[in-house]
Amino acid sequence: MSKPSDLVQGTLDLLLLKILTLEPLNGWAISQRLKQVSGDVLQVSDGSLYPALHKLEQEGWIAAEWRLSDNNRRAKFYSLTRLGRKQLERETEHWTRLSLAITQVVRLNEA
């Protein structure tokens, strides 16, 4: 299983922004969605998730609002802002270029 330290710098931001394109979610639901969508390959610890969410909120890419969760507890729900959508486009373009370059290197045929 990958850990945030195994991810390319900035990848966690991209993943969080992408997950929040569908609907506002609380931190626990975000980590569960990431785990589910990645087929249990990607998991993020609370110690990495919440500082990343805080950073994204400070950048203005996500907004946070206190609400009741499904189990009737107060939880902070995060949603993507307009600025966040623009950042997601930039991050996605960067990731696409980077992943294609890495794929080309990995697929090099040995001499």
C-alpha atoms as a PDB file:
ATOM      1  CA  MET A   1       0.000   0.000   0.000  1.00  0.00           C
ATOM      2  CA  SER A   2       1.204   3.470  -0.814  1.00  0.00           C
ATOM      3  CA  LYS A   3       1.739   6.012   1.911  1.00  0.00           C
ATOM      4  CA  PRO A   4       1.663   9.771   1.366  1.00  0.00           C
ATOM      5  CA  SER A   5       5.474   9.754   1.588  1.00  0.00           C
ATOM      6  CA  ASP A   6       5.469   7.346  -1.385  1.00  0.00           C
ATOM      7  CA  LEU A   7       3.469   9.799  -3.495  1.00  0.00           C
ATOM      8  CA  VAL A   8       5.046  12.323  -5.826  1.00  0.00           C
ATOM      9  CA  GLN A   9       5.203  15.789  -4.237  1.00  0.00           C
ATOM     10  CA  GLY A  10       1.813  17.493  -4.545  1.00  0.00           C
ATOM     11  CA  THR A  11      -0.087  14.354  -5.532  1.00  0.00           C
ATOM     12  CA  LEU A  12      -2.118  14.319  -2.324  1.00  0.00           C
ATOM     13  CA  ASP A  13      -3.427  17.815  -3.125  1.00  0.00           C
ATOM     14  CA  LEU A  14      -4.505  16.638  -6.574  1.00  0.00           C
ATOM     15  CA  LEU A  15      -6.250  13.568  -5.155  1.00  0.00           C
ATOM     16  CA  LEU A  16      -8.097  15.555  -2.494  1.00  0.00           C
ATOM     17  CA  LEU A  17      -9.247  18.199  -4.964  1.00  0.00           C
ATOM     18  CA  LYS A  18     -10.459  15.499  -7.356  1.00  0.00           C
ATOM     19  CA  ILE A  19     -12.372  13.620  -4.661  1.00  0.00           C
ATOM     20  CA  LEU A  20     -14.137  16.829  -3.637  1.00  0.00           C
ATOM     21  CA  THR A  21     -15.387  17.513  -7.187  1.00  0.00           C
ATOM     22  CA  LEU A  22     -18.297  15.139  -6.616  1.00  0.00           C
ATOM     23  CA  GLU A  23     -19.708  16.362  -3.312  1.00  0.00           C
ATOM     24  CA  PRO A  24     -18.738  17.934   0.013  1.00  0.00           C
ATOM     25  CA  LEU A  25     -17.238  15.339   2.366  1.00  0.00           C
ATOM     26  CA  ASN A  26     -15.774  15.224   5.850  1.00  0.00           C
ATOM     27  CA  GLY A  27     -12.213  14.081   6.461  1.00  0.00           C
ATOM     28  CA  TRP A  28     -13.116  10.502   7.339  1.00  0.00           C
ATOM     29  CA  ALA A  29     -15.298  10.166   4.217  1.00  0.00           C
ATOM     30  CA  ILE A  30     -12.514  11.628   2.058  1.00  0.00           C
ATOM     31  CA  SER A  31     -10.015   9.035   3.292  1.00  0.00           C
ATOM     32  CA  GLN A  32     -12.559   6.230   2.780  1.00  0.00           C
ATOM     33  CA  ARG A  33     -13.369   7.435  -0.754  1.00  0.00           C
ATOM     34  CA  LEU A  34      -9.661   7.578  -1.636  1.00  0.00           C
ATOM     35  CA  LYS A  35      -9.175   4.068  -0.330  1.00  0.00           C
ATOM     36  CA  GLN A  36     -12.276   2.780  -2.150  1.00  0.00           C
ATOM     37  CA  VAL A  37     -11.610   4.439  -5.518  1.00  0.00           C
ATOM     38  CA  SER A  38      -7.969   3.306  -5.523  1.00  0.00           C
ATOM     39  CA  GLY A  39      -8.921  -0.304  -4.814  1.00  0.00           C
ATOM     40  CA  ASP A  40      -7.359  -0.152  -1.328  1.00  0.00           C
ATOM     41  CA  VAL A  41      -3.984   0.877  -2.770  1.00  0.00           C
ATOM     42  CA  LEU A  42      -3.957   4.463  -1.490  1.00  0.00           C
ATOM     43  CA  GLN A  43      -4.533   5.220   2.165  1.00  0.00           C
ATOM     44  CA  VAL A  44      -3.782   8.463   3.910  1.00  0.00           C
ATOM     45  CA  SER A  45      -3.226   8.862   7.633  1.00  0.00           C
ATOM     46  CA  ASP A  46      -4.967  11.555   9.645  1.00  0.00           C
ATOM     47  CA  GLY A  47      -1.531  13.070  10.241  1.00  0.00           C
ATOM     48  CA  SER A  48      -1.185  13.706   6.503  1.00  0.00           C
ATOM     49  CA  LEU A  49      -4.828  14.263   5.557  1.00  0.00           C
ATOM     50  CA  TYR A  50      -5.809  17.054   7.921  1.00  0.00           C
ATOM     51  CA  PRO A  51      -2.706  19.228   7.409  1.00  0.00           C
ATOM     52  CA  ALA A  52      -3.245  18.866   3.634  1.00  0.00           C
ATOM     53  CA  LEU A  53      -6.907  19.855   3.954  1.00  0.00           C
ATOM     54  CA  HIS A  54      -5.928  22.825   6.133  1.00  0.00           C
ATOM     55  CA  LYS A  55      -3.384  23.930   3.515  1.00  0.00           C
ATOM     56  CA  LEU A  56      -5.946  23.634   0.698  1.00  0.00           C
ATOM     57  CA  GLU A  57      -8.395  25.668   2.766  1.00  0.00           C
ATOM     58  CA  GLN A  58      -5.776  28.377   3.395  1.00  0.00           C
ATOM     59  CA  GLU A  59      -5.054  28.527  -0.354  1.00  0.00           C
ATOM     60  CA  GLY A  60      -8.772  29.093  -0.971  1.00  0.00           C
ATOM     61  CA  TRP A  61      -9.079  25.916  -3.042  1.00  0.00           C
ATOM     62  CA  ILE A  62     -11.571  24.306  -0.660  1.00  0.00           C
ATOM     63  CA  ALA A  63     -14.087  25.697   1.810  1.00  0.00           C
ATOM     64  CA  ALA A  64     -15.055  24.104   5.129  1.00  0.00           C
ATOM     65  CA  GLU A  65     -18.362  24.098   6.959  1.00  0.00           C
ATOM     66  CA  TRP A  66     -19.399  22.405  10.200  1.00  0.00           C
ATOM     67  CA  ARG A  67     -22.353  20.013   9.747  1.00  0.00           C
ATOM     68  CA  LEU A  68     -23.798  16.876  11.271  1.00  0.00           C
ATOM     69  CA  SER A  69     -22.375  13.678   9.822  1.00  0.00           C
ATOM     70  CA  ASP A  70     -24.385  10.541   9.049  1.00  0.00           C
ATOM     71  CA  ASN A  71     -23.818   9.335  12.616  1.00  0.00           C
ATOM     72  CA  ASN A  72     -25.122  12.641  14.050  1.00  0.00           C
ATOM     73  CA  ARG A  73     -21.725  14.022  15.075  1.00  0.00           C
ATOM     74  CA  ARG A  74     -20.417  17.454  14.218  1.00  0.00           C
ATOM     75  CA  ALA A  75     -17.845  17.211  11.456  1.00  0.00           C
ATOM     76  CA  LYS A  76     -16.118  19.650   9.156  1.00  0.00           C
ATOM     77  CA  PHE A  77     -17.277  19.137   5.564  1.00  0.00           C
ATOM     78  CA  TYR A  78     -15.000  20.273   2.763  1.00  0.00           C
ATOM     79  CA  SER A  79     -16.102  21.430  -0.681  1.00  0.00           C
ATOM     80  CA  LEU A  80     -14.257  22.556  -3.775  1.00  0.00           C
ATOM     81  CA  THR A  81     -14.277  26.289  -4.555  1.00  0.00           C
ATOM     82  CA  ARG A  82     -14.182  27.913  -7.989  1.00  0.00           C
ATOM     83  CA  LEU A  83     -10.509  28.670  -7.387  1.00  0.00           C
ATOM     84  CA  GLY A  84     -10.046  25.014  -6.430  1.00  0.00           C
ATOM     85  CA  ARG A  85     -11.533  23.858  -9.728  1.00  0.00           C
ATOM     86  CA  LYS A  86      -9.018  26.002 -11.619  1.00  0.00           C
ATOM     87  CA  GLN A  87      -6.199  24.614  -9.474  1.00  0.00           C
ATOM     88  CA  LEU A  88      -7.433  21.075 -10.113  1.00  0.00           C
ATOM     89  CA  GLU A  89      -7.170  21.721 -13.867  1.00  0.00           C
ATOM     90  CA  ARG A  90      -3.569  22.931 -13.450  1.00  0.00           C
ATOM     91  CA  GLU A  91      -2.656  20.019 -11.155  1.00  0.00           C
ATOM     92  CA  THR A  92      -4.238  17.511 -13.560  1.00  0.00           C
ATOM     93  CA  GLU A  93      -2.301  18.906 -16.536  1.00  0.00           C
ATOM     94  CA  HIS A  94       0.928  18.777 -14.531  1.00  0.00           C
ATOM     95  CA  TRP A  95       0.238  15.215 -13.349  1.00  0.00           C
ATOM     96  CA  THR A  96      -0.570  14.051 -16.882  1.00  0.00           C
ATOM     97  CA  ARG A  97       2.734  15.421 -18.219  1.00  0.00           C
ATOM     98  CA  LEU A  98       4.700  13.984 -15.302  1.00  0.00           C
ATOM     99  CA  SER A  99       3.083  10.535 -15.386  1.00  0.00           C
ATOM    100  CA  LEU A 100       3.585  10.253 -19.155  1.00  0.00           C
ATOM    101  CA  ALA A 101       7.265  11.132 -18.753  1.00  0.00           C
ATOM    102  CA  ILE A 102       7.692   8.584 -15.955  1.00  0.00           C
ATOM    103  CA  THR A 103       5.905   5.929 -18.025  1.00  0.00           C
ATOM    104  CA  GLN A 104       8.263   6.544 -20.943  1.00  0.00           C
ATOM    105  CA  VAL A 105      11.291   6.039 -18.704  1.00  0.00           C
ATOM    106  CA  VAL A 106       9.870   2.908 -17.053  1.00  0.00           C
ATOM    107  CA  ARG A 107       9.083   1.365 -20.436  1.00  0.00           C
ATOM    108  CA  LEU A 108      12.624   1.807 -21.776  1.00  0.00           C
ATOM    109  CA  ASN A 109      13.844  -1.372 -23.400  1.00  0.00           C
ATOM    110  CA  GLU A 110      17.117  -2.688 -22.107  1.00  0.00           C
ATOM    111  CA  ALA A 111      19.963  -2.631 -24.617  1.00  0.00           C
END
